[in-house]
């Protein structure tokens, strides 16, 4: 079964779950300077930048990258609270 692509500017559930897992690995790491935490943060930032460039920047000119990152982090926190 194929998943319908998300609307422009939207984050699919699977993408949010992936981002939340990465966010959890670096935001709540026992050692935030560990290689795993740094790698998770780098992957998170790369993925958020990719989503912004592909779906948000051209569709929503009023949304800057910093605002999008804040929105994604908030969505990740909500996802982690709802899915402990």
N, C-alpha and C. Protein backbone atom coordinates (compact mmCIF):
# COMPACT_ATOMS: atom_id res chain seq x y z
N UNK A 1 0.84 -1.18 0.00
CA UNK A 1 0.00 0.00 0.00
C UNK A 1 0.89 1.24 0.00
N UNK A 2 0.71 2.12 -0.96
CA UNK A 2 1.53 3.31 -1.03
C UNK A 2 0.88 4.45 -0.25
N UNK A 3 1.74 5.25 0.33
CA UNK A 3 1.26 6.40 1.10
C UNK A 3 1.12 7.59 0.17
N UNK A 4 0.03 8.33 0.31
CA UNK A 4 -0.18 9.52 -0.50
C UNK A 4 0.83 10.58 -0.06
N UNK A 5 1.47 11.25 -1.00
CA UNK A 5 2.43 12.28 -0.60
C UNK A 5 1.73 13.41 0.15
N UNK A 6 2.39 13.99 1.13
CA UNK A 6 1.78 15.07 1.89
C UNK A 6 1.61 16.32 1.04
N UNK A 7 0.69 17.16 1.46
CA UNK A 7 0.47 18.43 0.77
C UNK A 7 1.71 19.31 0.90
N UNK A 8 1.82 20.26 0.02
CA UNK A 8 2.93 21.18 0.07
C UNK A 8 3.02 21.84 1.45
N UNK A 9 4.17 21.78 2.05
CA UNK A 9 4.37 22.38 3.36
C UNK A 9 4.04 21.46 4.52
N UNK A 10 3.45 20.30 4.25
CA UNK A 10 3.06 19.39 5.32
C UNK A 10 4.16 18.35 5.57
N UNK A 11 4.12 17.78 6.75
CA UNK A 11 5.04 16.71 7.11
C UNK A 11 4.19 15.45 7.30
N UNK A 12 4.54 14.40 6.60
CA UNK A 12 3.82 13.14 6.71
C UNK A 12 4.07 12.52 8.08
N UNK A 13 3.14 11.69 8.54
CA UNK A 13 3.28 11.04 9.85
C UNK A 13 4.58 10.27 9.97
N UNK A 14 4.92 9.53 8.93
CA UNK A 14 6.16 8.74 8.96
C UNK A 14 7.38 9.66 9.07
N UNK A 15 7.34 10.80 8.39
CA UNK A 15 8.44 11.76 8.47
C UNK A 15 8.52 12.36 9.86
N UNK A 16 7.37 12.68 10.44
CA UNK A 16 7.37 13.23 11.79
C UNK A 16 7.91 12.21 12.79
N UNK A 17 7.53 10.96 12.64
CA UNK A 17 8.03 9.91 13.53
C UNK A 17 9.55 9.79 13.42
N UNK A 18 10.06 9.85 12.18
CA UNK A 18 11.51 9.79 11.97
C UNK A 18 12.21 10.99 12.61
N UNK A 19 11.66 12.17 12.38
CA UNK A 19 12.26 13.38 12.95
C UNK A 19 12.19 13.36 14.48
N UNK A 20 11.09 12.90 15.03
CA UNK A 20 10.93 12.84 16.48
C UNK A 20 11.95 11.89 17.10
N UNK A 21 12.21 10.77 16.43
CA UNK A 21 13.20 9.81 16.94
C UNK A 21 14.59 10.44 16.96
N UNK A 22 14.93 11.15 15.89
CA UNK A 22 16.22 11.85 15.85
C UNK A 22 16.28 12.94 16.90
N UNK A 23 15.20 13.70 17.02
CA UNK A 23 15.12 14.78 18.01
C UNK A 23 15.31 14.23 19.42
N UNK A 24 14.67 13.12 19.71
CA UNK A 24 14.79 12.48 21.02
C UNK A 24 16.23 12.06 21.29
N UNK A 25 16.90 11.52 20.28
CA UNK A 25 18.27 11.04 20.45
C UNK A 25 19.25 12.14 20.79
N UNK A 26 19.03 13.37 20.29
CA UNK A 26 19.98 14.42 20.63
C UNK A 26 19.47 15.38 21.70
N UNK A 27 18.20 15.62 21.75
CA UNK A 27 17.67 16.58 22.73
C UNK A 27 17.65 16.02 24.15
N UNK A 28 17.42 14.74 24.26
CA UNK A 28 17.30 14.14 25.58
C UNK A 28 18.42 13.13 25.85
N UNK A 29 19.54 13.28 25.17
CA UNK A 29 20.68 12.38 25.34
C UNK A 29 21.30 12.58 26.72
N UNK A 30 21.71 11.49 27.34
CA UNK A 30 22.42 11.58 28.62
C UNK A 30 23.72 12.35 28.43
N UNK A 31 24.37 12.14 27.28
CA UNK A 31 25.59 12.86 26.95
C UNK A 31 25.37 13.58 25.62
N UNK A 32 25.00 14.86 25.67
CA UNK A 32 24.71 15.60 24.44
C UNK A 32 25.93 15.78 23.54
N UNK A 33 27.12 15.49 24.06
CA UNK A 33 28.33 15.62 23.26
C UNK A 33 28.77 14.27 22.66
N UNK A 34 27.99 13.23 22.89
CA UNK A 34 28.33 11.91 22.36
C UNK A 34 28.23 11.92 20.84
N UNK A 35 28.92 10.96 20.24
CA UNK A 35 28.89 10.85 18.77
C UNK A 35 27.47 10.57 18.28
N UNK A 36 26.72 9.74 19.01
CA UNK A 36 25.35 9.43 18.60
C UNK A 36 24.46 10.67 18.63
N UNK A 37 24.58 11.46 19.69
CA UNK A 37 23.76 12.68 19.80
C UNK A 37 24.12 13.67 18.69
N UNK A 38 25.39 13.83 18.43
CA UNK A 38 25.82 14.75 17.37
C UNK A 38 25.35 14.27 16.00
N UNK A 39 25.45 12.96 15.76
CA UNK A 39 25.01 12.41 14.48
C UNK A 39 23.50 12.59 14.31
N UNK A 40 22.74 12.32 15.37
CA UNK A 40 21.28 12.48 15.31
C UNK A 40 20.91 13.92 15.04
N UNK A 41 21.59 14.86 15.68
CA UNK A 41 21.29 16.28 15.45
C UNK A 41 21.62 16.69 14.02
N UNK A 42 22.73 16.19 13.51
CA UNK A 42 23.11 16.51 12.14
C UNK A 42 22.09 15.94 11.15
N UNK A 43 21.68 14.70 11.34
CA UNK A 43 20.67 14.09 10.47
C UNK A 43 19.34 14.83 10.57
N UNK A 44 18.95 15.21 11.78
CA UNK A 44 17.71 15.97 12.00
C UNK A 44 17.77 17.29 11.21
N UNK A 45 18.86 18.03 11.39
CA UNK A 45 18.99 19.32 10.72
C UNK A 45 19.00 19.17 9.20
N UNK A 46 19.68 18.15 8.70
CA UNK A 46 19.71 17.91 7.25
C UNK A 46 18.31 17.60 6.72
N UNK A 47 17.58 16.75 7.44
CA UNK A 47 16.23 16.34 7.01
C UNK A 47 15.26 17.52 7.05
N UNK A 48 15.36 18.34 8.10
CA UNK A 48 14.48 19.51 8.21
C UNK A 48 14.79 20.49 7.07
N UNK A 49 16.06 20.68 6.78
CA UNK A 49 16.45 21.58 5.68
C UNK A 49 15.90 21.05 4.36
N UNK A 50 16.00 19.74 4.15
CA UNK A 50 15.50 19.13 2.92
C UNK A 50 13.99 19.33 2.79
N UNK A 51 13.25 19.12 3.87
CA UNK A 51 11.79 19.31 3.83
C UNK A 51 11.45 20.77 3.56
N UNK A 52 12.17 21.67 4.20
CA UNK A 52 11.92 23.10 4.00
C UNK A 52 12.17 23.48 2.54
N UNK A 53 13.30 23.06 2.01
CA UNK A 53 13.66 23.42 0.64
C UNK A 53 12.68 22.84 -0.38
N UNK A 54 12.25 21.59 -0.17
CA UNK A 54 11.39 20.92 -1.14
C UNK A 54 9.92 21.32 -1.05
N UNK A 55 9.43 21.59 0.17
CA UNK A 55 7.98 21.78 0.32
C UNK A 55 7.53 23.12 0.86
N UNK A 56 8.38 23.79 1.60
CA UNK A 56 7.91 24.99 2.30
C UNK A 56 8.37 26.28 1.65
N UNK A 57 9.64 26.37 1.34
CA UNK A 57 10.22 27.64 0.87
C UNK A 57 9.47 28.25 -0.31
N UNK A 58 9.16 27.43 -1.30
CA UNK A 58 8.50 27.96 -2.50
C UNK A 58 6.99 28.12 -2.32
N UNK A 59 6.40 27.30 -1.47
CA UNK A 59 4.95 27.34 -1.29
C UNK A 59 4.50 28.40 -0.28
N UNK A 60 5.36 28.68 0.69
CA UNK A 60 5.00 29.62 1.77
C UNK A 60 6.13 30.62 1.96
N UNK A 61 6.13 31.65 1.16
CA UNK A 61 7.21 32.64 1.18
C UNK A 61 7.34 33.34 2.52
N UNK A 62 6.27 33.42 3.29
CA UNK A 62 6.30 34.11 4.57
C UNK A 62 6.89 33.28 5.70
N UNK A 63 7.16 32.01 5.44
CA UNK A 63 7.72 31.13 6.48
C UNK A 63 9.21 31.01 6.24
N UNK A 64 10.00 31.52 7.20
CA UNK A 64 11.44 31.39 7.07
C UNK A 64 11.91 30.08 7.69
N UNK A 65 13.15 29.73 7.44
CA UNK A 65 13.69 28.45 7.90
C UNK A 65 13.67 28.35 9.42
N UNK A 66 14.02 29.42 10.11
CA UNK A 66 14.04 29.41 11.57
C UNK A 66 12.65 29.12 12.14
N UNK A 67 11.63 29.73 11.58
CA UNK A 67 10.26 29.48 12.02
C UNK A 67 9.83 28.05 11.74
N UNK A 68 10.25 27.51 10.60
CA UNK A 68 9.92 26.13 10.26
C UNK A 68 10.58 25.16 11.23
N UNK A 69 11.84 25.41 11.56
CA UNK A 69 12.55 24.54 12.52
C UNK A 69 11.83 24.57 13.86
N UNK A 70 11.42 25.74 14.32
CA UNK A 70 10.70 25.84 15.59
C UNK A 70 9.40 25.04 15.54
N UNK A 71 8.70 25.13 14.42
CA UNK A 71 7.46 24.37 14.25
C UNK A 71 7.73 22.87 14.29
N UNK A 72 8.77 22.42 13.61
CA UNK A 72 9.10 20.99 13.58
C UNK A 72 9.49 20.51 14.97
N UNK A 73 10.27 21.27 15.69
CA UNK A 73 10.66 20.88 17.05
C UNK A 73 9.44 20.78 17.96
N UNK A 74 8.52 21.71 17.84
CA UNK A 74 7.28 21.65 18.63
C UNK A 74 6.47 20.41 18.27
N UNK A 75 6.39 20.12 16.98
CA UNK A 75 5.66 18.92 16.52
C UNK A 75 6.34 17.65 17.03
N UNK A 76 7.66 17.64 17.07
CA UNK A 76 8.40 16.48 17.58
C UNK A 76 8.13 16.27 19.06
N UNK A 77 8.14 17.36 19.82
CA UNK A 77 7.84 17.24 21.26
C UNK A 77 6.43 16.69 21.48
N UNK A 78 5.48 17.20 20.73
CA UNK A 78 4.09 16.72 20.84
C UNK A 78 4.00 15.24 20.45
N UNK A 79 4.70 14.86 19.41
CA UNK A 79 4.69 13.45 18.98
C UNK A 79 5.29 12.56 20.07
N UNK A 80 6.37 12.99 20.67
CA UNK A 80 7.02 12.19 21.71
C UNK A 80 6.12 12.08 22.95
N UNK A 81 5.42 13.14 23.29
CA UNK A 81 4.48 13.09 24.44
C UNK A 81 3.34 12.12 24.16
N UNK A 82 2.85 12.12 22.93
CA UNK A 82 1.72 11.28 22.56
C UNK A 82 2.13 9.82 22.32
N UNK A 83 3.40 9.59 22.08
CA UNK A 83 3.90 8.24 21.77
C UNK A 83 5.13 7.93 22.65
N UNK A 84 4.91 7.77 23.95
CA UNK A 84 6.05 7.55 24.86
C UNK A 84 6.78 6.23 24.62
